[in-house]
Amino acid sequence: MPNPFVHVELSSADLPASKAFYGALFDWQLRDVPLPNGGTYTLIDTGEGRGGGMLVSPVPNTPSIWLPYVAVPDLTASLAQAEALGASLVVPKTEVLGMGWLGIFRDPTGALLGLWQAKS
């Protein structure tokens, strides 16, 4: 399948509460990883299938939201194509801990979607 969903991420208004709830509900194994900015990213190990992550919402006073990510071979080209089709860029191409790059856009209907390009 071209461009599969590869990751899902929770931007949480209350990260400790989210970790307690989802850890108990689904028996996920959660592991905190320090971020370069001093924050924490919580990796979700589901045991099988796609995993994900959780972090404190980067936008204060916003509700928690789950965001899926789609794999792309060329993040720069995919973000440019999304913009040409009417999307607005929310997060530009950003390197993630030496693993790859992400970008986030808002589609013409208002939905957010993340794109992911893994380092090869």
Protein backbone atom coordinates (compact mmCIF):
# COMPACT_ATOMS: atom_id res chain seq x y z
CA MET A 1 0.00 0.00 0.00
CA PRO A 2 1.49 3.35 -0.93
CA ASN A 3 1.82 5.91 1.85
CA PRO A 4 0.54 3.87 4.83
CA PHE A 5 -0.31 5.28 8.23
CA VAL A 6 2.81 4.65 10.34
CA HIS A 7 2.38 6.41 13.69
CA VAL A 8 -0.27 8.01 15.85
CA GLU A 9 0.43 10.69 18.43
CA LEU A 10 -1.53 12.19 21.30
CA SER A 11 -0.98 15.88 22.07
CA SER A 12 -2.36 15.93 25.58
CA ALA A 13 -3.62 18.76 27.76
CA ASP A 14 -2.78 16.54 30.77
CA LEU A 15 -0.05 14.05 29.93
CA PRO A 16 0.06 12.23 33.30
CA ALA A 17 -3.71 11.67 33.15
CA SER A 18 -3.50 10.46 29.52
CA LYS A 19 -0.70 8.05 30.36
CA ALA A 20 -2.63 6.64 33.33
CA PHE A 21 -5.86 6.27 31.35
CA TYR A 22 -4.49 4.68 28.17
CA GLY A 23 -1.93 2.57 30.00
CA ALA A 24 -4.70 1.07 32.13
CA LEU A 25 -7.27 0.80 29.34
CA PHE A 26 -5.08 -0.95 26.78
CA ASP A 27 -2.17 -2.31 28.88
CA TRP A 28 0.25 -0.34 26.68
CA GLN A 29 3.88 -0.20 27.74
CA LEU A 30 4.86 3.47 28.00
CA ARG A 31 8.46 4.71 27.94
CA ASP A 32 9.52 8.32 28.45
CA VAL A 33 12.27 9.72 26.21
CA PRO A 34 13.86 13.11 26.96
CA LEU A 35 13.51 15.74 24.25
CA PRO A 36 16.28 18.20 23.35
CA ASN A 37 14.09 21.13 24.53
CA GLY A 38 13.86 19.64 28.03
CA GLY A 39 10.42 18.07 27.55
CA THR A 40 9.47 14.41 27.45
CA TYR A 41 8.06 12.24 24.69
CA THR A 42 6.27 9.07 25.77
CA LEU A 43 6.65 6.16 23.35
CA ILE A 44 3.72 3.73 23.14
CA ASP A 45 4.56 0.05 22.67
CA THR A 46 1.35 -1.77 21.79
CA GLY A 47 3.00 -5.19 21.59
CA GLU A 48 1.84 -5.63 17.99
CA GLY A 49 0.73 -3.37 15.18
CA ARG A 50 1.68 0.27 14.96
CA GLY A 51 2.77 2.11 18.05
CA GLY A 52 2.71 5.78 18.74
CA GLY A 53 3.55 8.45 21.21
CA MET A 54 2.26 11.07 23.62
CA LEU A 55 3.46 14.54 24.52
CA VAL A 56 2.26 17.65 26.28
CA SER A 57 0.26 19.70 23.80
CA PRO A 58 2.56 22.34 22.31
CA VAL A 59 -0.35 24.79 22.16
CA PRO A 60 -1.52 25.87 25.65
CA ASN A 61 -5.23 25.75 26.53
CA THR A 62 -6.16 23.42 23.67
CA PRO A 63 -8.01 20.13 23.96
CA SER A 64 -6.17 16.85 23.63
CA ILE A 65 -6.09 15.44 20.11
CA TRP A 66 -4.85 12.28 18.38
CA LEU A 67 -2.87 12.90 15.17
CA PRO A 68 -2.03 10.16 12.64
CA TYR A 69 1.12 10.23 10.49
CA VAL A 70 1.48 8.94 6.92
CA ALA A 71 4.82 7.73 5.49
CA VAL A 72 6.16 9.63 2.48
CA PRO A 73 9.40 9.14 0.51
CA ASP A 74 10.08 12.89 0.13
CA LEU A 75 8.67 15.09 2.89
CA THR A 76 9.63 18.38 1.23
CA ALA A 77 7.84 17.45 -2.01
CA SER A 78 4.79 16.06 -0.20
CA LEU A 79 4.36 19.20 1.93
CA ALA A 80 4.70 21.36 -1.19
CA GLN A 81 2.10 19.25 -3.00
CA ALA A 82 -0.29 19.49 -0.04
CA GLU A 83 0.08 23.29 -0.04
CA ALA A 84 -0.49 23.42 -3.81
CA LEU A 85 -3.72 21.47 -3.26
CA GLY A 86 -4.95 24.01 -0.69
CA ALA A 87 -3.47 22.80 2.62
CA SER A 88 -1.80 25.15 5.09
CA LEU A 89 1.46 24.23 6.78
CA VAL A 90 1.20 23.90 10.58
CA VAL A 91 4.64 22.42 11.35
CA PRO A 92 7.37 22.68 8.70
CA LYS A 93 9.86 19.91 8.01
CA THR A 94 11.41 19.13 11.39
CA GLU A 95 14.09 16.56 12.24
CA VAL A 96 13.16 14.11 15.00
CA LEU A 97 15.98 12.75 17.19
CA GLY A 98 18.01 11.55 14.20
CA MET A 99 15.25 9.11 13.15
CA GLY A 100 13.68 11.12 10.34
CA TRP A 101 11.56 14.19 9.66
CA LEU A 102 7.96 15.17 10.28
CA GLY A 103 5.68 17.87 8.95
CA ILE A 104 2.06 18.67 9.79
CA PHE A 105 -0.55 20.38 7.63
CA ARG A 106 -4.20 21.39 7.85
CA ASP A 107 -6.20 20.20 4.84
CA PRO A 108 -8.76 22.44 3.08
CA THR A 109 -11.54 21.06 5.33
CA GLY A 110 -9.62 21.85 8.55
CA ALA A 111 -8.35 18.36 9.41
CA LEU A 112 -4.76 17.95 10.61
CA LEU A 113 -2.46 15.26 9.23
CA GLY A 114 1.18 14.48 9.93
CA LEU A 115 3.67 13.27 7.36
CA TRP A 116 6.76 11.21 8.20
CA GLN A 117 9.95 10.57 6.22
CA ALA A 118 12.23 8.03 7.90
CA LYS A 119 15.98 8.32 7.56
CA SER A 120 17.21 5.60 5.26
